[in-house]
């Protein structure tokens, strides 16, 4: 029979230009070892528009991670460090509780 457990879904949306720095911080904080990466991601947020075209040439990346609260806290630290290095680049972290259904 399958088991349901509580976990967090963490979504990190960031400018592709700072992705490598974030992945390095993941290693430093022992976080984000398993993730799903979606690229390119287009949209508009507080730091501007990203469409990957001639008018709005930049692209975003979406990283999805399912984890416990401790790992989420380490991910937040990693994102804050990158945001501190690049305060004008778009990078946001969203976390929400989910029921993970193992099948």
Protein backbone atom coordinates (compact mmCIF):
# COMPACT_ATOMS: atom_id res chain seq x y z
CA UNK A 1 0.00 0.00 0.00
CA UNK A 2 1.20 3.50 -0.73
CA UNK A 3 2.21 5.91 1.99
CA UNK A 4 1.43 9.62 2.32
CA UNK A 5 3.83 11.93 4.12
CA UNK A 6 3.99 15.65 4.68
CA UNK A 7 6.72 17.61 2.99
CA UNK A 8 7.39 21.00 1.48
CA UNK A 9 7.38 21.98 -2.17
CA UNK A 10 10.02 24.64 -2.78
CA UNK A 11 9.93 26.60 -6.02
CA UNK A 12 12.89 28.79 -6.87
CA UNK A 13 12.50 31.08 -9.85
CA UNK A 14 15.69 32.84 -10.87
CA UNK A 15 17.45 34.60 -13.69
CA UNK A 16 19.42 32.03 -15.66
CA UNK A 17 22.52 34.22 -15.30
CA UNK A 18 22.86 33.38 -11.57
CA UNK A 19 21.87 29.70 -11.72
CA UNK A 20 25.42 28.36 -11.46
CA UNK A 21 26.04 30.43 -8.33
CA UNK A 22 22.90 29.02 -6.75
CA UNK A 23 23.86 25.43 -7.55
CA UNK A 24 27.25 26.03 -5.92
CA UNK A 25 25.47 27.32 -2.80
CA UNK A 26 23.30 24.20 -2.80
CA UNK A 27 26.48 22.13 -2.45
CA UNK A 28 27.86 24.41 0.26
CA UNK A 29 24.66 24.08 2.32
CA UNK A 30 24.07 20.41 1.48
CA UNK A 31 20.70 21.21 0.01
CA UNK A 32 18.97 20.67 -3.31
CA UNK A 33 20.62 17.33 -4.03
CA UNK A 34 17.49 16.17 -5.84
CA UNK A 35 15.55 18.68 -7.91
CA UNK A 36 13.69 19.24 -11.15
CA UNK A 37 14.88 22.05 -13.41
CA UNK A 38 12.58 23.69 -15.95
CA UNK A 39 14.14 26.03 -18.48
CA UNK A 40 13.37 28.36 -20.08
CA UNK A 41 10.63 29.90 -17.95
CA UNK A 42 9.06 33.15 -19.10
CA UNK A 43 7.10 35.70 -17.12
CA UNK A 44 7.04 39.04 -15.38
CA UNK A 45 7.85 39.79 -11.77
CA UNK A 46 9.13 42.54 -9.52
CA UNK A 47 12.55 42.50 -11.23
CA UNK A 48 11.19 42.78 -14.76
CA UNK A 49 10.05 40.73 -17.69
CA UNK A 50 11.75 37.61 -19.06
CA UNK A 51 10.64 36.38 -22.49
CA UNK A 52 13.80 35.21 -24.21
CA UNK A 53 13.10 37.38 -27.25
CA UNK A 54 14.73 40.45 -28.80
CA UNK A 55 12.78 42.87 -26.60
CA UNK A 56 13.12 40.91 -23.33
CA UNK A 57 16.15 38.65 -23.99
CA UNK A 58 16.71 37.19 -20.53
CA UNK A 59 15.29 33.83 -19.45
CA UNK A 60 14.38 32.40 -16.09
CA UNK A 61 14.86 28.96 -14.62
CA UNK A 62 12.42 27.18 -12.29
CA UNK A 63 13.85 24.69 -9.79
CA UNK A 64 11.40 22.42 -7.95
CA UNK A 65 12.43 20.63 -4.78
CA UNK A 66 10.42 18.44 -2.42
CA UNK A 67 12.04 18.39 1.00
CA UNK A 68 11.65 18.62 4.76
CA UNK A 69 11.74 21.83 6.78
CA UNK A 70 15.46 21.56 7.60
CA UNK A 71 16.42 21.36 3.94
CA UNK A 72 14.05 24.23 3.12
CA UNK A 73 15.89 26.39 5.66
CA UNK A 74 19.21 25.54 4.00
CA UNK A 75 17.75 26.41 0.60
CA UNK A 76 16.59 29.77 1.94
CA UNK A 77 20.14 30.49 3.15
CA UNK A 78 21.54 29.58 -0.27
CA UNK A 79 19.07 31.86 -2.06
CA UNK A 80 19.76 34.74 0.35
CA UNK A 81 23.49 34.44 -0.29
CA UNK A 82 23.01 34.60 -4.06
CA UNK A 83 20.56 37.50 -3.71
CA UNK A 84 23.19 39.29 -1.61
CA UNK A 85 25.73 38.87 -4.41
CA UNK A 86 23.30 39.94 -7.14
CA UNK A 87 20.69 42.24 -5.56
CA UNK A 88 19.35 43.43 -8.93
CA UNK A 89 18.81 39.96 -10.42
CA UNK A 90 15.49 38.22 -10.07
CA UNK A 91 15.46 35.32 -7.62
CA UNK A 92 12.46 34.23 -5.56
CA UNK A 93 11.75 31.25 -3.34
CA UNK A 94 8.24 29.99 -2.59
CA UNK A 95 7.51 27.14 -0.18
CA UNK A 96 4.22 25.38 0.45
CA UNK A 97 3.15 22.32 2.38
CA UNK A 98 2.14 19.29 0.32
CA UNK A 99 1.17 15.69 0.91
CA UNK A 100 3.64 13.48 -0.92
CA UNK A 101 1.96 10.31 -2.14
CA UNK A 102 4.47 7.51 -2.66
CA UNK A 103 3.20 5.03 -5.25
